[in-house]
Protein backbone atom coordinates (compact mmCIF):
# COMPACT_ATOMS: atom_id res chain seq x y z
CA MET A 1 221.77 56.13 -2.67
CA GLU A 2 222.27 59.71 -1.50
CA THR A 3 219.51 61.53 0.33
CA PRO A 4 218.36 64.62 -1.58
CA VAL A 5 219.40 67.88 0.06
CA SER A 6 215.81 69.12 0.12
CA LEU A 7 214.69 66.03 2.03
CA MET A 8 217.49 66.45 4.56
CA ILE A 9 216.40 70.05 5.12
CA ILE A 10 212.82 68.93 5.67
CA LEU A 11 213.90 66.19 8.09
CA LEU A 12 216.00 68.66 10.08
CA ALA A 13 213.45 71.45 9.93
CA PHE A 14 210.60 69.37 11.38
CA PRO A 15 212.14 68.69 14.84
CA VAL A 16 213.56 72.23 15.01
CA GLY A 17 210.16 73.67 14.16
CA PHE A 18 208.50 71.45 16.73
CA LEU A 19 210.94 72.59 19.43
CA ILE A 20 210.29 76.22 18.57
CA PHE A 21 206.54 75.61 18.70
CA LEU A 22 206.92 73.87 22.06
CA MET A 23 209.01 76.72 23.51
CA VAL A 24 206.53 79.35 22.34
CA SER A 25 203.62 77.34 23.77
CA LEU A 26 205.34 76.93 27.12
CA ARG A 27 206.13 80.63 27.29
CA ARG A 28 202.54 81.48 26.47
CA LYS A 29 201.25 79.12 29.16
CA LYS A 30 203.67 80.57 31.69
CA ARG A 31 202.59 84.09 30.81
CA GLN A 32 198.92 83.13 31.10
CA ALA A 33 199.56 81.44 34.46
CA THR A 34 201.35 84.55 35.71
CA LEU A 35 198.48 86.79 34.62
CA LEU A 36 195.94 84.43 36.21
CA PHE A 37 197.88 84.39 39.47
CA SER A 38 198.27 88.19 39.53
CA ARG A 39 194.56 88.68 38.94
CA GLY A 40 193.80 86.22 41.74
CA ILE A 41 196.02 88.14 44.17
CA GLU A 42 194.28 91.36 43.14
CA TYR A 43 190.89 89.81 43.83
CA ILE A 44 192.01 88.44 47.21
CA LYS A 45 193.27 91.83 48.35
CA LEU A 46 190.06 93.56 47.30
CA LEU A 47 187.86 90.91 48.92
CA ARG A 48 189.91 91.08 52.11
CA SER A 49 189.15 94.82 52.30
CA LEU A 50 185.49 94.20 51.53
CA LEU A 51 185.36 91.54 54.24
CA THR A 52 186.82 94.01 56.74
CA TYR A 53 184.23 96.66 55.89
CA VAL A 54 181.27 94.27 56.10
CA GLN A 55 182.48 92.93 59.45
CA GLN A 56 182.78 96.49 60.76
CA HIS A 57 179.28 97.21 59.45
CA ARG A 58 177.93 94.24 61.40
CA GLY A 59 179.55 95.45 64.62
CA LEU A 60 178.51 99.09 64.33
CA THR A 61 174.92 98.31 63.31
CA THR A 62 174.56 95.85 66.19
CA GLY A 63 175.68 98.60 68.55
CA PHE A 64 173.31 101.08 66.89
CA ILE A 65 170.28 98.80 67.26
CA ASN A 66 171.11 98.34 70.94
CA GLY A 67 171.34 102.05 71.67
CA ASN A 68 174.67 103.40 70.39
CA HIS A 69 173.11 105.87 67.93
CA ALA A 70 176.34 107.87 67.78
CA ALA A 71 177.63 105.18 65.40
CA LYS A 72 175.28 106.18 62.57
CA PRO A 73 177.74 108.50 60.71
CA ASP A 74 180.34 105.70 60.75
CA ILE A 75 177.75 103.25 59.44
CA GLU A 76 176.80 105.58 56.61
CA GLY A 77 180.47 106.05 55.73
CA LEU A 78 180.92 102.27 55.63
CA ASN A 79 177.94 101.91 53.29
CA VAL A 80 179.67 104.25 50.84
CA ARG A 81 183.00 102.42 51.10
CA ILE A 82 181.38 99.01 50.66
CA LYS A 83 179.54 100.17 47.54
CA ARG A 84 182.76 101.52 46.03
CA MET A 85 184.69 98.40 46.94
CA MET A 86 182.08 96.19 45.29
CA GLU A 87 182.35 98.30 42.15
CA ASP A 88 186.15 97.90 42.21
CA VAL A 89 185.86 94.13 42.58
CA GLU A 90 183.38 93.82 39.73
CA THR A 91 185.42 95.94 37.30
CA THR A 92 188.66 94.07 38.01
CA GLY A 93 187.92 91.28 35.54
CA ASP A 94 185.38 89.10 33.77
CA TRP A 95 185.78 86.18 36.18
CA MET A 96 184.10 88.06 39.01
CA ALA A 97 181.67 90.03 36.86
CA GLU A 98 180.29 86.74 35.53
CA ASN A 99 180.39 84.85 38.83
CA VAL A 100 176.98 83.77 40.15
CA LYS A 101 178.11 83.71 43.79
CA TRP A 102 179.36 87.26 43.49
CA SER A 103 176.10 88.44 41.94
CA SER A 104 174.16 86.78 44.76
CA LEU A 105 176.41 88.40 47.35
CA VAL A 106 175.91 91.88 45.84
CA ASP A 107 172.16 91.34 45.75
CA HIS A 108 172.19 90.26 49.39
CA TRP A 109 174.09 93.39 50.37
CA THR A 110 171.60 95.70 48.63
CA ARG A 111 168.95 94.32 50.98
CA LEU A 112 171.15 94.17 54.07
CA GLY A 113 172.96 97.52 53.95
CA MET A 114 170.05 99.52 55.41
CA GLY A 115 168.28 96.63 57.12
CA TYR A 116 169.60 97.60 60.53
CA LEU A 117 167.10 100.48 60.61
CA GLN A 118 164.36 97.88 61.15
CA GLY A 119 165.76 97.45 64.66
CA ASP A 120 166.02 93.63 64.76
CA ALA A 121 169.47 92.95 66.24
CA ASP A 122 169.31 89.17 65.96
CA LYS A 123 168.22 89.22 62.32
CA ASN A 124 170.82 91.86 61.48
CA PHE A 125 173.59 89.78 63.07
CA LYS A 126 172.56 86.53 61.40
CA GLN A 127 172.17 88.08 57.94
CA HIS A 128 175.62 89.64 58.18
CA ASN A 129 177.01 86.26 59.21
CA ILE A 130 175.45 84.61 56.15
CA LEU A 131 176.83 87.25 53.80
CA ILE A 132 180.31 87.02 55.37
CA ALA A 133 180.29 83.22 55.17
CA ASN A 134 179.45 83.46 51.46
CA LEU A 135 182.23 85.99 51.01
CA LEU A 136 184.71 83.60 52.63
CA TYR A 137 183.50 80.81 50.30
CA LEU A 138 184.04 83.15 47.37
CA ILE A 139 187.60 83.86 48.52
CA ASP A 140 188.19 80.09 48.52
CA ASP A 141 186.83 79.89 44.97
CA VAL A 142 189.11 82.72 43.85
CA ALA A 143 192.12 80.96 45.34
CA ASP A 144 191.28 77.66 43.63
CA ALA A 145 190.40 79.17 40.25
CA HIS A 146 193.56 81.30 40.15
CA HIS A 147 195.91 78.61 41.50
CA LEU A 148 196.93 80.54 44.60
CA SER A 149 197.37 77.42 46.70
CA LYS A 150 199.83 75.50 44.56
CA LEU A 151 203.08 77.27 45.29
CA THR A 152 204.34 76.50 48.77
CA GLY A 153 202.39 73.50 49.99
CA ASP A 154 199.13 72.67 51.71
CA ALA A 155 200.25 73.79 55.18
CA MET A 156 200.67 77.38 54.13
CA ASP A 157 197.47 77.32 52.09
CA THR A 158 195.50 76.21 55.14
CA ASP A 159 197.22 78.83 57.25
CA TRP A 160 196.25 81.94 55.32
CA ARG A 161 192.68 80.78 54.82
CA TYR A 162 192.35 79.86 58.48
CA LEU A 163 193.47 83.34 59.49
CA LEU A 164 190.31 84.73 57.92
CA SER A 165 188.27 82.33 60.06
CA ILE A 166 190.03 83.56 63.20
CA ALA A 167 189.33 87.16 62.19
CA GLU A 168 185.68 86.21 61.76
CA TYR A 169 185.49 84.69 65.25
CA ILE A 170 186.76 87.98 66.65
CA GLY A 171 184.44 89.88 64.31
CA GLN A 172 181.40 88.05 65.65
CA ALA A 173 182.57 88.62 69.23
CA ARG A 174 183.04 92.30 68.39
CA ALA A 175 179.49 92.61 67.06
CA LEU A 176 177.79 90.77 69.91
CA GLY A 177 179.93 92.46 72.54
CA THR A 178 179.33 95.91 71.10
CA GLY A 179 175.60 95.25 71.31
CA VAL A 180 175.88 94.06 74.91
CA ALA A 181 177.97 97.08 75.90
CA ALA A 182 175.56 99.48 74.17
CA LYS A 183 172.50 97.93 75.80
CA GLY A 184 174.12 97.51 79.21
CA GLU A 185 172.93 93.96 79.74
CA CYS A 186 173.93 90.47 78.64
CA SER A 187 171.24 87.82 78.23
CA SER A 188 171.88 84.15 78.95
CA VAL A 189 171.85 83.42 75.21
CA LEU A 190 174.43 86.11 74.51
CA ARG A 191 176.60 84.85 77.36
CA ILE A 192 176.65 81.40 75.78
CA GLN A 193 177.45 82.82 72.34
CA LEU A 194 180.20 85.12 73.60
CA ASN A 195 181.74 82.42 75.77
CA HIS A 196 181.76 80.02 72.81
CA LEU A 197 183.48 82.64 70.62
CA ARG A 198 185.91 83.45 73.40
CA ASN A 199 186.97 79.79 73.56
CA LYS A 200 187.27 79.63 69.76
CA ILE A 201 189.54 82.68 69.73
CA ALA A 202 191.63 81.47 72.67
CA SER A 203 192.34 78.13 70.99
CA SER A 204 193.31 79.85 67.74
CA VAL A 205 196.02 82.19 69.00
CA ASP A 206 199.35 81.13 67.52
CA ALA A 207 202.45 81.28 69.71
CA SER A 208 204.48 82.40 66.68
CA TRP A 209 202.53 85.66 66.35
CA PRO A 210 204.18 88.89 67.55
CA GLU A 211 203.94 89.41 71.30
CA LYS A 212 201.94 92.63 70.89
CA SER A 213 199.27 90.75 68.94
CA ARG A 214 199.02 87.93 71.47
CA VAL A 215 198.91 90.30 74.44
CA GLU A 216 196.11 92.41 72.99
CA ILE A 217 194.01 89.40 71.96
CA HIS A 218 194.37 87.90 75.44
CA TYR A 219 193.32 91.26 76.89
CA LEU A 220 190.20 91.12 74.69
CA LEU A 221 189.42 87.65 76.02
CA ARG A 222 189.73 88.86 79.62
CA CYS A 223 187.51 91.82 78.77
CA ILE A 224 184.79 89.52 77.41
CA GLU A 225 184.96 87.39 80.54
CA SER A 226 185.11 90.16 83.15
CA GLN A 227 183.28 93.10 81.54
CA LEU A 228 180.71 91.64 79.13
CA ILE A 229 179.38 88.24 80.20
CA VAL A 230 178.46 89.60 83.64
CA ASP A 231 175.31 90.91 85.28
CA LYS A 232 176.21 94.54 84.56
CA PRO A 233 178.54 95.02 81.56
CA SER A 234 181.04 97.73 82.42
CA ILE A 235 182.82 98.63 79.19
CA ASP A 236 181.84 101.40 76.78
CA ALA A 237 180.55 100.14 73.41
CA SER A 238 182.93 102.29 71.35
CA GLU A 239 185.90 101.33 73.51
CA TYR A 240 185.13 97.63 73.13
CA PHE A 241 184.63 98.00 69.38
CA ARG A 242 188.05 99.66 69.03
CA LEU A 243 189.74 96.98 71.13
CA ALA A 244 188.24 94.14 69.09
CA THR A 245 189.07 95.97 65.87
CA ARG A 246 192.74 96.20 66.83
CA CYS A 247 192.73 92.44 67.50
CA ILE A 248 191.23 91.76 64.07
CA GLU A 249 193.88 93.98 62.51
CA HIS A 250 196.60 91.94 64.23
CA VAL A 251 195.23 88.76 62.66
CA LEU A 252 194.84 90.35 59.24
CA GLU A 253 198.43 91.59 59.40
CA GLN A 254 199.41 87.91 59.50
CA PHE A 255 197.08 87.27 56.56
CA ASP A 256 198.66 90.10 54.54
CA ARG A 257 202.11 88.70 55.32
CA GLN A 258 201.07 85.30 53.98
CA ILE A 259 199.72 86.84 50.78
CA ASP A 260 202.98 88.75 50.34
CA ARG A 261 204.81 85.44 50.73
CA LEU A 262 202.64 83.89 48.04
CA GLN A 263 203.65 86.70 45.69
CA TYR A 264 207.31 86.31 46.66
CA TYR A 265 207.38 82.58 45.93
CA ARG A 266 205.53 83.11 42.65
CA ASN A 267 208.05 85.71 41.50
């Protein structure tokens, strides 16, 4: 018995149609994954800049509270940049605009931005630390939600995230040290804190980093030991702030290189 032509067409058309449907679906998923990844990279770059500004704000305000009043114009400029950066982050996409952690972070900043004028250095430092820690958690969430850690293996994923932790160690040492230099004295509590951060930074320096980066970070560590955690601190607050800032920039250059690698492997 011969198979009707119409039935043969139907039998052939079904698998062909299914293959076409499958190809279209795969292309759509790939396109959606690419868009998700690109948006994640965009968020990470914006949050990295925001992190840098908030860390600088912590350092300058700590110096201001301890007597370096010349820093006020720089602090006011940072307040403007942070506000604009937060607006840029929020308008980048719905994921962030609807994120509860982000909303909480923005709310925290509205209370913290001018809080340094109250003159409580310890409270100012701790509140900045809390906000920065939450910002780092948010960066982790962005990476997970946008699949930024599934391209080149766990080792690299840990590396670029850990770089932000190293930058934060230096950032905290910059803030505390700027305060010590501005005040001209280092309490026993601050000595313990700075020495702890110094050890954290020293153990984090990677031998694979450029020599210029390693040399300047080691110079910062010697400065903390010989010019800050002493009876009479001998370094100018602005000079120390600039030195620590250059060290943070060295670390973040490694971070930016890792993010560029993520983009390269994705493309």
